[in-house]
Amino acid sequence: MNTPTMSEQLLEAASLLVAGMSSVFLFLSVLIVSVKLITKFVEAFPEPAASTNTANHSANQAVTNQQDVITAITHAVSAYRQGNQPSSK
């Protein structure tokens, strides 16, 4: 059985280090380039603007939903407090 020497082990570790760091660098480079290309594509073909009526309706619906949630929470807290009053002795 032939055990590798310290220099052989260091050489193998260095080659693994270079291979790993190169693959990470390559992956990140591809990621950056693809994000920039997608950005240019989205800028070239913007989404059509929504009409103001649709935007106003969505905003009004969101406010109504928030008010409904606040009302429901308020009722739940009062019902909990009424059912869990400490008994006086």
PDB file of N, CA and C in Angstrom:
ATOM      1  N   MET A   1       0.839  -1.167   0.000  1.00  0.00           N
ATOM      2  CA  MET A   1       0.000   0.000   0.000  1.00  0.00           C
ATOM      3  C   MET A   1       0.890   1.239   0.000  1.00  0.00           C
ATOM      4  N   ASN A   2       0.615   2.122  -0.943  1.00  0.00           N
ATOM      5  CA  ASN A   2       1.451   3.305  -1.124  1.00  0.00           C
ATOM      6  C   ASN A   2       0.726   4.510  -0.534  1.00  0.00           C
ATOM      7  N   THR A   3       1.238   5.062   0.552  1.00  0.00           N
ATOM      8  CA  THR A   3       0.627   6.241   1.161  1.00  0.00           C
ATOM      9  C   THR A   3       1.201   7.490   0.500  1.00  0.00           C
ATOM     10  N   PRO A   4       0.324   8.460   0.197  1.00  0.00           N
ATOM     11  CA  PRO A   4       0.812   9.677  -0.453  1.00  0.00           C
ATOM     12  C   PRO A   4       1.642  10.522   0.513  1.00  0.00           C
ATOM     13  N   THR A   5       2.611  11.178  -0.068  1.00  0.00           N
ATOM     14  CA  THR A   5       3.459  12.046   0.745  1.00  0.00           C
ATOM     15  C   THR A   5       2.742  13.360   1.027  1.00  0.00           C
ATOM     16  N   MET A   6       3.333  14.131   1.919  1.00  0.00           N
ATOM     17  CA  MET A   6       2.726  15.422   2.291  1.00  0.00           C
ATOM     18  C   MET A   6       2.648  16.351   1.085  1.00  0.00           C
ATOM     19  N   SER A   7       3.666  16.386   0.266  1.00  0.00           N
ATOM     20  CA  SER A   7       3.651  17.272  -0.903  1.00  0.00           C
ATOM     21  C   SER A   7       2.588  16.836  -1.912  1.00  0.00           C
ATOM     22  N   GLU A   8       2.392  15.528  -2.063  1.00  0.00           N
ATOM     23  CA  GLU A   8       1.342  15.042  -2.972  1.00  0.00           C
ATOM     24  C   GLU A   8      -0.040  15.431  -2.448  1.00  0.00           C
ATOM     25  N   GLN A   9      -0.215  15.336  -1.153  1.00  0.00           N
ATOM     26  CA  GLN A   9      -1.495  15.711  -0.561  1.00  0.00           C
ATOM     27  C   GLN A   9      -1.749  17.214  -0.706  1.00  0.00           C
ATOM     28  N   LEU A  10      -0.700  18.017  -0.503  1.00  0.00           N
ATOM     29  CA  LEU A  10      -0.851  19.457  -0.668  1.00  0.00           C
ATOM     30  C   LEU A  10      -1.153  19.830  -2.117  1.00  0.00           C
ATOM     31  N   LEU A  11      -0.528  19.129  -3.057  1.00  0.00           N
ATOM     32  CA  LEU A  11      -0.781  19.378  -4.470  1.00  0.00           C
ATOM     33  C   LEU A  11      -2.224  19.020  -4.834  1.00  0.00           C
ATOM     34  N   GLU A  12      -2.710  17.909  -4.300  1.00  0.00           N
ATOM     35  CA  GLU A  12      -4.094  17.510  -4.558  1.00  0.00           C
ATOM     36  C   GLU A  12      -5.061  18.513  -3.925  1.00  0.00           C
ATOM     37  N   ALA A  13      -4.763  18.975  -2.722  1.00  0.00           N
ATOM     38  CA  ALA A  13      -5.612  19.965  -2.057  1.00  0.00           C
ATOM     39  C   ALA A  13      -5.638  21.268  -2.850  1.00  0.00           C
ATOM     40  N   ALA A  14      -4.486  21.682  -3.363  1.00  0.00           N
ATOM     41  CA  ALA A  14      -4.424  22.914  -4.156  1.00  0.00           C
ATOM     42  C   ALA A  14      -5.221  22.776  -5.444  1.00  0.00           C
ATOM     43  N   SER A  15      -5.135  21.626  -6.090  1.00  0.00           N
ATOM     44  CA  SER A  15      -5.895  21.432  -7.331  1.00  0.00           C
ATOM     45  C   SER A  15      -7.399  21.409  -7.048  1.00  0.00           C
ATOM     46  N   LEU A  16      -7.810  20.801  -5.939  1.00  0.00           N
ATOM     47  CA  LEU A  16      -9.227  20.818  -5.569  1.00  0.00           C
ATOM     48  C   LEU A  16      -9.691  22.236  -5.245  1.00  0.00           C
ATOM     49  N   LEU A  17      -8.821  23.005  -4.584  1.00  0.00           N
ATOM     50  CA  LEU A  17      -9.140  24.382  -4.264  1.00  0.00           C
ATOM     51  C   LEU A  17      -9.347  25.190  -5.532  1.00  0.00           C
ATOM     52  N   VAL A  18      -8.437  25.053  -6.482  1.00  0.00           N
ATOM     53  CA  VAL A  18      -8.536  25.796  -7.738  1.00  0.00           C
ATOM     54  C   VAL A  18      -9.789  25.364  -8.511  1.00  0.00           C
ATOM     55  N   ALA A  19     -10.068  24.078  -8.555  1.00  0.00           N
ATOM     56  CA  ALA A  19     -11.246  23.597  -9.275  1.00  0.00           C
ATOM     57  C   ALA A  19     -12.529  24.121  -8.626  1.00  0.00           C
ATOM     58  N   GLY A  20     -12.603  24.076  -7.305  1.00  0.00           N
ATOM     59  CA  GLY A  20     -13.798  24.553  -6.615  1.00  0.00           C
ATOM     60  C   GLY A  20     -14.007  26.044  -6.766  1.00  0.00           C
ATOM     61  N   MET A  21     -12.953  26.807  -6.577  1.00  0.00           N
ATOM     62  CA  MET A  21     -13.077  28.257  -6.697  1.00  0.00           C
ATOM     63  C   MET A  21     -13.384  28.669  -8.141  1.00  0.00           C
ATOM     64  N   SER A  22     -12.833  27.957  -9.098  1.00  0.00           N
ATOM     65  CA  SER A  22     -13.127  28.256 -10.510  1.00  0.00           C
ATOM     66  C   SER A  22     -14.589  27.986 -10.832  1.00  0.00           C
ATOM     67  N   SER A  23     -15.114  26.881 -10.313  1.00  0.00           N
ATOM     68  CA  SER A  23     -16.520  26.575 -10.590  1.00  0.00           C
ATOM     69  C   SER A  23     -17.435  27.597  -9.927  1.00  0.00           C
ATOM     70  N   VAL A  24     -17.121  28.044  -8.727  1.00  0.00           N
ATOM     71  CA  VAL A  24     -17.929  29.072  -8.061  1.00  0.00           C
ATOM     72  C   VAL A  24     -17.847  30.382  -8.835  1.00  0.00           C
ATOM     73  N   PHE A  25     -16.648  30.759  -9.265  1.00  0.00           N
ATOM     74  CA  PHE A  25     -16.480  31.988 -10.038  1.00  0.00           C
ATOM     75  C   PHE A  25     -17.261  31.925 -11.339  1.00  0.00           C
ATOM     76  N   LEU A  26     -17.197  30.781 -12.019  1.00  0.00           N
ATOM     77  CA  LEU A  26     -17.922  30.611 -13.276  1.00  0.00           C
ATOM     78  C   LEU A  26     -19.432  30.704 -13.045  1.00  0.00           C
ATOM     79  N   PHE A  27     -19.928  30.033 -12.016  1.00  0.00           N
ATOM     80  CA  PHE A  27     -21.357  30.071 -11.714  1.00  0.00           C
ATOM     81  C   PHE A  27     -21.813  31.492 -11.409  1.00  0.00           C
ATOM     82  N   LEU A  28     -21.073  32.204 -10.572  1.00  0.00           N
ATOM     83  CA  LEU A  28     -21.462  33.569 -10.232  1.00  0.00           C
ATOM     84  C   LEU A  28     -21.376  34.502 -11.438  1.00  0.00           C
ATOM     85  N   SER A  29     -20.405  34.293 -12.299  1.00  0.00           N
ATOM     86  CA  SER A  29     -20.299  35.110 -13.511  1.00  0.00           C
ATOM     87  C   SER A  29     -21.504  34.885 -14.418  1.00  0.00           C
ATOM     88  N   VAL A  30     -21.887  33.630 -14.600  1.00  0.00           N
ATOM     89  CA  VAL A  30     -23.062  33.326 -15.416  1.00  0.00           C
ATOM     90  C   VAL A  30     -24.311  33.929 -14.781  1.00  0.00           C
ATOM     91  N   LEU A  31     -24.420  33.856 -13.478  1.00  0.00           N
ATOM     92  CA  LEU A  31     -25.570  34.425 -12.777  1.00  0.00           C
ATOM     93  C   LEU A  31     -25.656  35.930 -12.990  1.00  0.00           C
ATOM     94  N   ILE A  32     -24.544  36.632 -12.862  1.00  0.00           N
ATOM     95  CA  ILE A  32     -24.534  38.087 -13.040  1.00  0.00           C
ATOM     96  C   ILE A  32     -24.895  38.463 -14.468  1.00  0.00           C
ATOM     97  N   VAL A  33     -24.317  37.759 -15.431  1.00  0.00           N
ATOM     98  CA  VAL A  33     -24.609  38.056 -16.836  1.00  0.00           C
ATOM     99  C   VAL A  33     -26.078  37.797 -17.137  1.00  0.00           C
ATOM    100  N   SER A  34     -26.627  36.704 -16.639  1.00  0.00           N
ATOM    101  CA  SER A  34     -28.031  36.398 -16.917  1.00  0.00           C
ATOM    102  C   SER A  34     -28.960  37.422 -16.267  1.00  0.00           C
ATOM    103  N   VAL A  35     -28.647  37.880 -15.065  1.00  0.00           N
ATOM    104  CA  VAL A  35     -29.480  38.900 -14.422  1.00  0.00           C
ATOM    105  C   VAL A  35     -29.435  40.197 -15.224  1.00  0.00           C
ATOM    106  N   LYS A  36     -28.268  40.575 -15.717  1.00  0.00           N
ATOM    107  CA  LYS A  36     -28.165  41.795 -16.525  1.00  0.00           C
ATOM    108  C   LYS A  36     -28.938  41.653 -17.837  1.00  0.00           C
ATOM    109  N   LEU A  37     -28.880  40.470 -18.456  1.00  0.00           N
ATOM    110  CA  LEU A  37     -29.629  40.254 -19.699  1.00  0.00           C
ATOM    111  C   LEU A  37     -31.134  40.294 -19.445  1.00  0.00           C
ATOM    112  N   ILE A  38     -31.574  39.715 -18.364  1.00  0.00           N
ATOM    113  CA  ILE A  38     -32.997  39.740 -18.032  1.00  0.00           C
ATOM    114  C   ILE A  38     -33.445  41.175 -17.763  1.00  0.00           C
ATOM    115  N   THR A  39     -32.599  41.958 -17.096  1.00  0.00           N
ATOM    116  CA  THR A  39     -32.924  43.357 -16.831  1.00  0.00           C
ATOM    117  C   THR A  39     -33.092  44.125 -18.136  1.00  0.00           C
ATOM    118  N   LYS A  40     -32.193  43.920 -19.067  1.00  0.00           N
ATOM    119  CA  LYS A  40     -32.294  44.603 -20.360  1.00  0.00           C
ATOM    120  C   LYS A  40     -33.548  44.158 -21.110  1.00  0.00           C
ATOM    121  N   PHE A  41     -33.872  42.872 -21.032  1.00  0.00           N
ATOM    122  CA  PHE A  41     -35.065  42.358 -21.701  1.00  0.00           C
ATOM    123  C   PHE A  41     -36.326  42.980 -21.112  1.00  0.00           C
ATOM    124  N   VAL A  42     -36.385  43.070 -19.789  1.00  0.00           N
ATOM    125  CA  VAL A  42     -37.567  43.632 -19.133  1.00  0.00           C
ATOM    126  C   VAL A  42     -37.685  45.122 -19.446  1.00  0.00           C
ATOM    127  N   GLU A  43     -36.572  45.819 -19.510  1.00  0.00           N
ATOM    128  CA  GLU A  43     -36.614  47.238 -19.861  1.00  0.00           C
ATOM    129  C   GLU A  43     -37.042  47.432 -21.309  1.00  0.00           C
ATOM    130  N   ALA A  44     -36.663  46.517 -22.201  1.00  0.00           N
ATOM    131  CA  ALA A  44     -37.016  46.637 -23.608  1.00  0.00           C
ATOM    132  C   ALA A  44     -38.490  46.326 -23.845  1.00  0.00           C
ATOM    133  N   PHE A  45     -39.067  45.405 -23.076  1.00  0.00           N
ATOM    134  CA  PHE A  45     -40.459  45.017 -23.226  1.00  0.00           C
ATOM    135  C   PHE A  45     -41.198  45.221 -21.901  1.00  0.00           C
ATOM    136  N   PRO A  46     -41.529  46.464 -21.585  1.00  0.00           N
ATOM    137  CA  PRO A  46     -42.193  46.703 -20.290  1.00  0.00           C
ATOM    138  C   PRO A  46     -43.615  46.160 -20.292  1.00  0.00           C
ATOM    139  N   GLU A  47     -44.106  45.888 -19.093  1.00  0.00           N
ATOM    140  CA  GLU A  47     -45.473  45.413 -18.938  1.00  0.00           C
ATOM    141  C   GLU A  47     -46.414  46.574 -19.223  1.00  0.00           C
ATOM    142  N   PRO A  48     -47.527  46.315 -19.909  1.00  0.00           N
ATOM    143  CA  PRO A  48     -48.441  47.426 -20.186  1.00  0.00           C
ATOM    144  C   PRO A  48     -48.965  48.029 -18.882  1.00  0.00           C
ATOM    145  N   ALA A  49     -49.089  49.350 -18.896  1.00  0.00           N
ATOM    146  CA  ALA A  49     -49.535  50.049 -17.691  1.00  0.00           C
ATOM    147  C   ALA A  49     -50.988  49.703 -17.411  1.00  0.00           C
ATOM    148  N   ALA A  50     -51.299  49.475 -16.154  1.00  0.00           N
ATOM    149  CA  ALA A  50     -52.671  49.176 -15.753  1.00  0.00           C
ATOM    150  C   ALA A  50     -53.473  50.467 -15.767  1.00  0.00           C
ATOM    151  N   SER A  51     -54.764  50.353 -16.042  1.00  0.00           N
ATOM    152  CA  SER A  51     -55.600  51.548 -16.047  1.00  0.00           C
ATOM    153  C   SER A  51     -55.752  52.072 -14.622  1.00  0.00           C
ATOM    154  N   THR A  52     -56.043  53.358 -14.511  1.00  0.00           N
ATOM    155  CA  THR A  52     -56.168  53.954 -13.183  1.00  0.00           C
ATOM    156  C   THR A  52     -57.368  53.397 -12.443  1.00  0.00           C
ATOM    157  N   ASN A  53     -58.418  53.018 -13.167  1.00  0.00           N
ATOM    158  CA  ASN A  53     -59.587  52.438 -12.502  1.00  0.00           C
ATOM    159  C   ASN A  53     -59.230  51.121 -11.834  1.00  0.00           C
ATOM    160  N   THR A  54     -58.461  50.304 -12.516  1.00  0.00           N
ATOM    161  CA  THR A  54     -58.051  49.023 -11.945  1.00  0.00           C
ATOM    162  C   THR A  54     -57.164  49.234 -10.732  1.00  0.00           C
ATOM    163  N   ALA A  55     -56.250  50.187 -10.821  1.00  0.00           N
ATOM    164  CA  ALA A  55     -55.354  50.469  -9.699  1.00  0.00           C
ATOM    165  C   ALA A  55     -56.142  50.999  -8.507  1.00  0.00           C
ATOM    166  N   ASN A  56     -57.090  51.902  -8.760  1.00  0.00           N
ATOM    167  CA  ASN A  56     -57.898  52.436  -7.665  1.00  0.00           C
ATOM    168  C   ASN A  56     -58.753  51.355  -7.034  1.00  0.00           C
ATOM    169  N   HIS A  57     -59.327  50.496  -7.864  1.00  0.00           N
ATOM    170  CA  HIS A  57     -60.158  49.411  -7.341  1.00  0.00           C
ATOM    171  C   HIS A  57     -59.329  48.467  -6.472  1.00  0.00           C
ATOM    172  N   SER A  58     -58.118  48.148  -6.911  1.00  0.00           N
ATOM    173  CA  SER A  58     -57.246  47.271  -6.127  1.00  0.00           C
ATOM    174  C   SER A  58     -56.883  47.920  -4.803  1.00  0.00           C
ATOM    175  N   ALA A  59     -56.595  49.216  -4.811  1.00  0.00           N
ATOM    176  CA  ALA A  59     -56.237  49.921  -3.578  1.00  0.00           C
ATOM    177  C   ALA A  59     -57.430  49.969  -2.628  1.00  0.00           C
ATOM    178  N   ASN A  60     -58.620  50.241  -3.161  1.00  0.00           N
ATOM    179  CA  ASN A  60     -59.813  50.275  -2.315  1.00  0.00           C
ATOM    180  C   ASN A  60     -60.101  48.907  -1.721  1.00  0.00           C
ATOM    181  N   GLN A  61     -59.917  47.861  -2.516  1.00  0.00           N
ATOM    182  CA  GLN A  61     -60.160  46.506  -2.015  1.00  0.00           C
ATOM    183  C   GLN A  61     -59.173  46.153  -0.915  1.00  0.00           C
ATOM    184  N   ALA A  62     -57.922  46.585  -1.055  1.00  0.00           N
ATOM    185  CA  ALA A  62     -56.916  46.304  -0.027  1.00  0.00           C
ATOM    186  C   ALA A  62     -57.272  47.003   1.281  1.00  0.00           C
ATOM    187  N   VAL A  63     -57.735  48.251   1.195  1.00  0.00           N
ATOM    188  CA  VAL A  63     -58.127  48.978   2.400  1.00  0.00           C
ATOM    189  C   VAL A  63     -59.327  48.309   3.047  1.00  0.00           C
ATOM    190  N   THR A  64     -60.295  47.891   2.236  1.00  0.00           N
ATOM    191  CA  THR A  64     -61.472  47.211   2.773  1.00  0.00           C
ATOM    192  C   THR A  64     -61.078  45.911   3.447  1.00  0.00           C
ATOM    193  N   ASN A  65     -60.180  45.156   2.819  1.00  0.00           N
ATOM    194  CA  ASN A  65     -59.722  43.901   3.422  1.00  0.00           C
ATOM    195  C   ASN A  65     -59.015  44.155   4.747  1.00  0.00           C
ATOM    196  N   GLN A  66     -58.208  45.207   4.817  1.00  0.00           N
ATOM    197  CA  GLN A  66     -57.520  45.532   6.065  1.00  0.00           C
ATOM    198  C   GLN A  66     -58.515  45.919   7.146  1.00  0.00           C
ATOM    199  N   GLN A  67     -59.545  46.667   6.787  1.00  0.00           N
ATOM    200  CA  GLN A  67     -60.555  47.062   7.765  1.00  0.00           C
ATOM    201  C   GLN A  67     -61.322  45.840   8.257  1.00  0.00           C
ATOM    202  N   ASP A  68     -61.604  44.898   7.346  1.00  0.00           N
ATOM    203  CA  ASP A  68     -62.288  43.672   7.754  1.00  0.00           C
ATOM    204  C   ASP A  68     -61.437  42.865   8.726  1.00  0.00           C
ATOM    205  N   VAL A  69     -60.152  42.808   8.469  1.00  0.00           N
ATOM    206  CA  VAL A  69     -59.245  42.064   9.350  1.00  0.00           C
ATOM    207  C   VAL A  69     -59.178  42.733  10.720  1.00  0.00           C
ATOM    208  N   ILE A  70     -59.074  44.042  10.734  1.00  0.00           N
ATOM    209  CA  ILE A  70     -59.028  44.771  12.011  1.00  0.00           C
ATOM    210  C   ILE A  70     -60.312  44.554  12.791  1.00  0.00           C
ATOM    211  N   THR A  71     -61.451  44.603  12.108  1.00  0.00           N
ATOM    212  CA  THR A  71     -62.731  44.378  12.774  1.00  0.00           C
ATOM    213  C   THR A  71     -62.802  42.968  13.347  1.00  0.00           C
ATOM    214  N   ALA A  72     -62.385  41.978  12.582  1.00  0.00           N
ATOM    215  CA  ALA A  72     -62.423  40.596  13.046  1.00  0.00           C
ATOM    216  C   ALA A  72     -61.521  40.397  14.258  1.00  0.00           C
ATOM    217  N   ILE A  73     -60.349  40.987  14.235  1.00  0.00           N
ATOM    218  CA  ILE A  73     -59.425  40.854  15.369  1.00  0.00           C
ATOM    219  C   ILE A  73     -60.010  41.528  16.602  1.00  0.00           C
ATOM    220  N   THR A  74     -60.623  42.710  16.418  1.00  0.00           N
ATOM    221  CA  THR A  74     -61.216  43.423  17.546  1.00  0.00           C
ATOM    222  C   THR A  74     -62.327  42.584  18.192  1.00  0.00           C
ATOM    223  N   HIS A  75     -63.188  41.993  17.350  1.00  0.00           N
ATOM    224  CA  HIS A  75     -64.269  41.153  17.880  1.00  0.00           C
ATOM    225  C   HIS A  75     -63.724  39.919  18.582  1.00  0.00           C
ATOM    226  N   ALA A  76     -62.683  39.321  18.026  1.00  0.00           N
ATOM    227  CA  ALA A  76     -62.099  38.120  18.634  1.00  0.00           C
ATOM    228  C   ALA A  76     -61.491  38.444  19.996  1.00  0.00           C
ATOM    229  N   VAL A  77     -60.800  39.577  20.106  1.00  0.00           N
ATOM    230  CA  VAL A  77     -60.186  39.965  21.379  1.00  0.00           C
ATOM    231  C   VAL A  77     -61.260  40.243  22.415  1.00  0.00           C
ATOM    232  N   SER A  78     -62.364  40.976  22.009  1.00  0.00           N
ATOM    233  CA  SER A  78     -63.412  41.246  22.999  1.00  0.00           C
ATOM    234  C   SER A  78     -64.116  39.976  23.436  1.00  0.00           C
ATOM    235  N   ALA A  79     -64.348  39.025  22.504  1.00  0.00           N
ATOM    236  CA  ALA A  79     -64.991  37.768  22.887  1.00  0.00           C
ATOM    237  C   ALA A  79     -64.081  36.978  23.820  1.00  0.00           C
ATOM    238  N   TYR A  80     -62.803  36.989  23.584  1.00  0.00           N
ATOM    239  CA  TYR A  80     -61.862  36.281  24.441  1.00  0.00           C
ATOM    240  C   TYR A  80     -61.855  36.899  25.841  1.00  0.00           C
ATOM    241  N   ARG A  81     -61.850  38.214  25.895  1.00  0.00           N
ATOM    242  CA  ARG A  81     -61.819  38.884  27.192  1.00  0.00           C
ATOM    243  C   ARG A  81     -63.111  38.640  27.981  1.00  0.00           C
ATOM    244  N   GLN A  82     -64.250  38.599  27.277  1.00  0.00           N
ATOM    245  CA  GLN A  82     -65.516  38.357  27.962  1.00  0.00           C
ATOM    246  C   GLN A  82     -65.576  36.932  28.505  1.00  0.00           C
ATOM    247  N   GLY A  83     -65.031  35.971  27.774  1.00  0.00           N
ATOM    248  CA  GLY A  83     -65.064  34.582  28.211  1.00  0.00           C
ATOM    249  C   GLY A  83     -64.008  34.246  29.238  1.00  0.00           C
ATOM    250  N   ASN A  84     -63.013  35.072  29.395  1.00  0.00           N
ATOM    251  CA  ASN A  84     -61.907  34.770  30.307  1.00  0.00           C
ATOM    252  C   ASN A  84     -61.737  35.831  31.387  1.00  0.00           C
ATOM    253  N   GLN A  85     -62.849  36.330  31.915  1.00  0.00           N
ATOM    254  CA  GLN A  85     -62.768  37.288  33.022  1.00  0.00           C
ATOM    255  C   GLN A  85     -62.373  36.553  34.290  1.00  0.00           C
ATOM    256  N   PRO A  86     -61.444  37.083  35.068  1.00  0.00           N
ATOM    257  CA  PRO A  86     -61.088  36.430  36.321  1.00  0.00           C
ATOM    258  C   PRO A  86     -62.269  36.455  37.286  1.00  0.00           C
ATOM    259  N   SER A  87     -62.501  35.339  37.904  1.00  0.00           N
ATOM    260  CA  SER A  87     -63.625  35.269  38.849  1.00  0.00           C
ATOM    261  C   SER A  87     -63.224  35.921  40.171  1.00  0.00           C
ATOM    262  N   SER A  88     -64.144  36.735  40.712  1.00  0.00           N
ATOM    263  CA  SER A  88     -63.839  37.400  41.987  1.00  0.00           C
ATOM    264  C   SER A  88     -64.256  36.497  43.147  1.00  0.00           C
ATOM    265  N   LYS A  89     -63.381  36.358  44.117  1.00  0.00           N
ATOM    266  CA  LYS A  89     -63.625  35.458  45.254  1.00  0.00           C
ATOM    267  C   LYS A  89     -63.946  36.224  46.491  1.00  0.00           C
TER     268      LYS A  89
END
